[in-house]
Amino acid sequence: MTDNTIKFTVPSDDTDKMRRILRNVFDALSEKGYNPINQIVGYLLTEDPTYITNYNGARSMICKLDRDELLQELVQCYLNDSNK
């Protein structure tokens, strides 16, 4: 093991895929009458897929994403938007 910090970058293909999946999950939760932000946050905090509806395959889609990478991308987007 090395004492150097390892640099990690999310490839842009993964970012686009995450965005599409997150949008589909958001839409499915909205259509079923849930508060999509609350439900997605619940999933991200607990990794419990029951926060996400099965409607339109939303649960299986979000489970395909790496939660850590998704959180990293969300933080990055938030920080980029707050600098505008």
C-alpha atoms as a PDB file:
ATOM      1  CA  MET A   1       0.000   0.000   0.000  1.00  0.00           C
ATOM      2  CA  THR A   2       1.175   3.513  -0.744  1.00  0.00           C
ATOM      3  CA  ASP A   3       0.829   6.726   1.239  1.00  0.00           C
ATOM      4  CA  ASN A   4      -0.066   8.633  -1.920  1.00  0.00           C
ATOM      5  CA  THR A   5      -3.654   9.626  -2.520  1.00  0.00           C
ATOM      6  CA  ILE A   6      -5.246   7.847  -5.465  1.00  0.00           C
ATOM      7  CA  LYS A   7      -7.109  10.100  -7.867  1.00  0.00           C
ATOM      8  CA  PHE A   8     -10.526   8.933  -9.061  1.00  0.00           C
ATOM      9  CA  THR A   9     -12.504  10.374 -11.964  1.00  0.00           C
ATOM     10  CA  VAL A  10     -15.982   9.287 -13.042  1.00  0.00           C
ATOM     11  CA  PRO A  11     -16.028   8.739 -16.819  1.00  0.00           C
ATOM     12  CA  SER A  12     -18.512  10.954 -18.674  1.00  0.00           C
ATOM     13  CA  ASP A  13     -20.399   7.933 -20.045  1.00  0.00           C
ATOM     14  CA  ASP A  14     -21.156   6.920 -16.483  1.00  0.00           C
ATOM     15  CA  THR A  15     -22.296  10.447 -15.667  1.00  0.00           C
ATOM     16  CA  ASP A  16     -24.755  10.453 -18.564  1.00  0.00           C
ATOM     17  CA  LYS A  17     -26.004   7.004 -17.599  1.00  0.00           C
ATOM     18  CA  MET A  18     -26.459   8.080 -13.967  1.00  0.00           C
ATOM     19  CA  ARG A  19     -28.354  11.187 -15.053  1.00  0.00           C
ATOM     20  CA  ARG A  20     -30.728   9.181 -17.279  1.00  0.00           C
ATOM     21  CA  ILE A  21     -31.390   6.577 -14.593  1.00  0.00           C
ATOM     22  CA  LEU A  22     -31.900   9.171 -11.871  1.00  0.00           C
ATOM     23  CA  ARG A  23     -34.335  11.078 -14.107  1.00  0.00           C
ATOM     24  CA  ASN A  24     -36.288   7.876 -14.882  1.00  0.00           C
ATOM     25  CA  VAL A  25     -36.445   6.986 -11.178  1.00  0.00           C
ATOM     26  CA  PHE A  26     -37.539  10.545 -10.325  1.00  0.00           C
ATOM     27  CA  ASP A  27     -40.297  10.389 -12.953  1.00  0.00           C
ATOM     28  CA  ALA A  28     -41.512   6.966 -11.778  1.00  0.00           C
ATOM     29  CA  LEU A  29     -41.679   8.124  -8.157  1.00  0.00           C
ATOM     30  CA  SER A  30     -43.537  11.290  -9.184  1.00  0.00           C
ATOM     31  CA  GLU A  31     -46.048   9.351 -11.269  1.00  0.00           C
ATOM     32  CA  LYS A  32     -46.788   7.091  -8.302  1.00  0.00           C
ATOM     33  CA  GLY A  33     -47.408  10.100  -6.050  1.00  0.00           C
ATOM     34  CA  TYR A  34     -44.256   9.935  -3.936  1.00  0.00           C
ATOM     35  CA  ASN A  35     -41.973  12.857  -3.107  1.00  0.00           C
ATOM     36  CA  PRO A  36     -39.095  11.763  -5.357  1.00  0.00           C
ATOM     37  CA  ILE A  37     -36.412  13.801  -3.595  1.00  0.00           C
ATOM     38  CA  ASN A  38     -37.260  12.326  -0.183  1.00  0.00           C
ATOM     39  CA  GLN A  39     -37.414   8.799  -1.565  1.00  0.00           C
ATOM     40  CA  ILE A  40     -34.101   9.065  -3.426  1.00  0.00           C
ATOM     41  CA  VAL A  41     -32.388  10.581  -0.384  1.00  0.00           C
ATOM     42  CA  GLY A  42     -33.771   7.741   1.749  1.00  0.00           C
ATOM     43  CA  TYR A  43     -32.307   5.236  -0.682  1.00  0.00           C
ATOM     44  CA  LEU A  44     -28.939   6.998  -0.835  1.00  0.00           C
ATOM     45  CA  LEU A  45     -28.643   7.189   2.958  1.00  0.00           C
ATOM     46  CA  THR A  46     -29.690   3.612   3.685  1.00  0.00           C
ATOM     47  CA  GLU A  47     -29.125   1.728   0.417  1.00  0.00           C
ATOM     48  CA  ASP A  48     -32.533   0.179   1.085  1.00  0.00           C
ATOM     49  CA  PRO A  49     -34.136  -0.312  -2.350  1.00  0.00           C
ATOM     50  CA  THR A  50     -37.661  -0.310  -0.892  1.00  0.00           C
ATOM     51  CA  TYR A  51     -37.491   3.497  -0.905  1.00  0.00           C
ATOM     52  CA  ILE A  52     -37.776   3.238  -4.697  1.00  0.00           C
ATOM     53  CA  THR A  53     -40.914   2.031  -6.452  1.00  0.00           C
ATOM     54  CA  ASN A  54     -40.861  -0.977  -8.766  1.00  0.00           C
ATOM     55  CA  TYR A  55     -42.990   1.044 -11.192  1.00  0.00           C
ATOM     56  CA  ASN A  56     -41.410   1.228 -14.673  1.00  0.00           C
ATOM     57  CA  GLY A  57     -38.408  -0.750 -13.401  1.00  0.00           C
ATOM     58  CA  ALA A  58     -37.175   2.177 -11.291  1.00  0.00           C
ATOM     59  CA  ARG A  59     -35.912   0.020  -8.420  1.00  0.00           C
ATOM     60  CA  SER A  60     -33.870  -2.275 -10.617  1.00  0.00           C
ATOM     61  CA  MET A  61     -32.446   0.718 -12.512  1.00  0.00           C
ATOM     62  CA  ILE A  62     -31.229   2.560  -9.429  1.00  0.00           C
ATOM     63  CA  CYS A  63     -29.740  -0.630  -7.980  1.00  0.00           C
ATOM     64  CA  LYS A  64     -27.471  -0.861 -11.048  1.00  0.00           C
ATOM     65  CA  LEU A  65     -25.782   2.411 -10.084  1.00  0.00           C
ATOM     66  CA  ASP A  66     -22.798   2.582  -7.791  1.00  0.00           C
ATOM     67  CA  ARG A  67     -24.147   4.594  -4.872  1.00  0.00           C
ATOM     68  CA  ASP A  68     -20.759   6.142  -4.019  1.00  0.00           C
ATOM     69  CA  GLU A  69     -20.233   7.320  -7.598  1.00  0.00           C
ATOM     70  CA  LEU A  70     -23.757   8.726  -7.705  1.00  0.00           C
ATOM     71  CA  LEU A  71     -23.190  10.639  -4.463  1.00  0.00           C
ATOM     72  CA  GLN A  72     -19.890  11.955  -5.787  1.00  0.00           C
ATOM     73  CA  GLU A  73     -21.552  13.198  -8.957  1.00  0.00           C
ATOM     74  CA  LEU A  74     -24.427  14.801  -7.047  1.00  0.00           C
ATOM     75  CA  VAL A  75     -22.026  16.680  -4.768  1.00  0.00           C
ATOM     76  CA  GLN A  76     -19.958  17.791  -7.756  1.00  0.00           C
ATOM     77  CA  CYS A  77     -23.032  19.069  -9.607  1.00  0.00           C
ATOM     78  CA  TYR A  78     -24.268  20.871  -6.503  1.00  0.00           C
ATOM     79  CA  LEU A  79     -20.942  22.587  -5.961  1.00  0.00           C
ATOM     80  CA  ASN A  80     -20.642  23.544  -9.631  1.00  0.00           C
ATOM     81  CA  ASP A  81     -24.152  25.063  -9.567  1.00  0.00           C
ATOM     82  CA  SER A  82     -23.477  26.970  -6.346  1.00  0.00           C
ATOM     83  CA  ASN A  83     -20.473  28.692  -7.960  1.00  0.00           C
ATOM     84  CA  LYS A  84     -22.630  30.293 -10.663  1.00  0.00           C
END
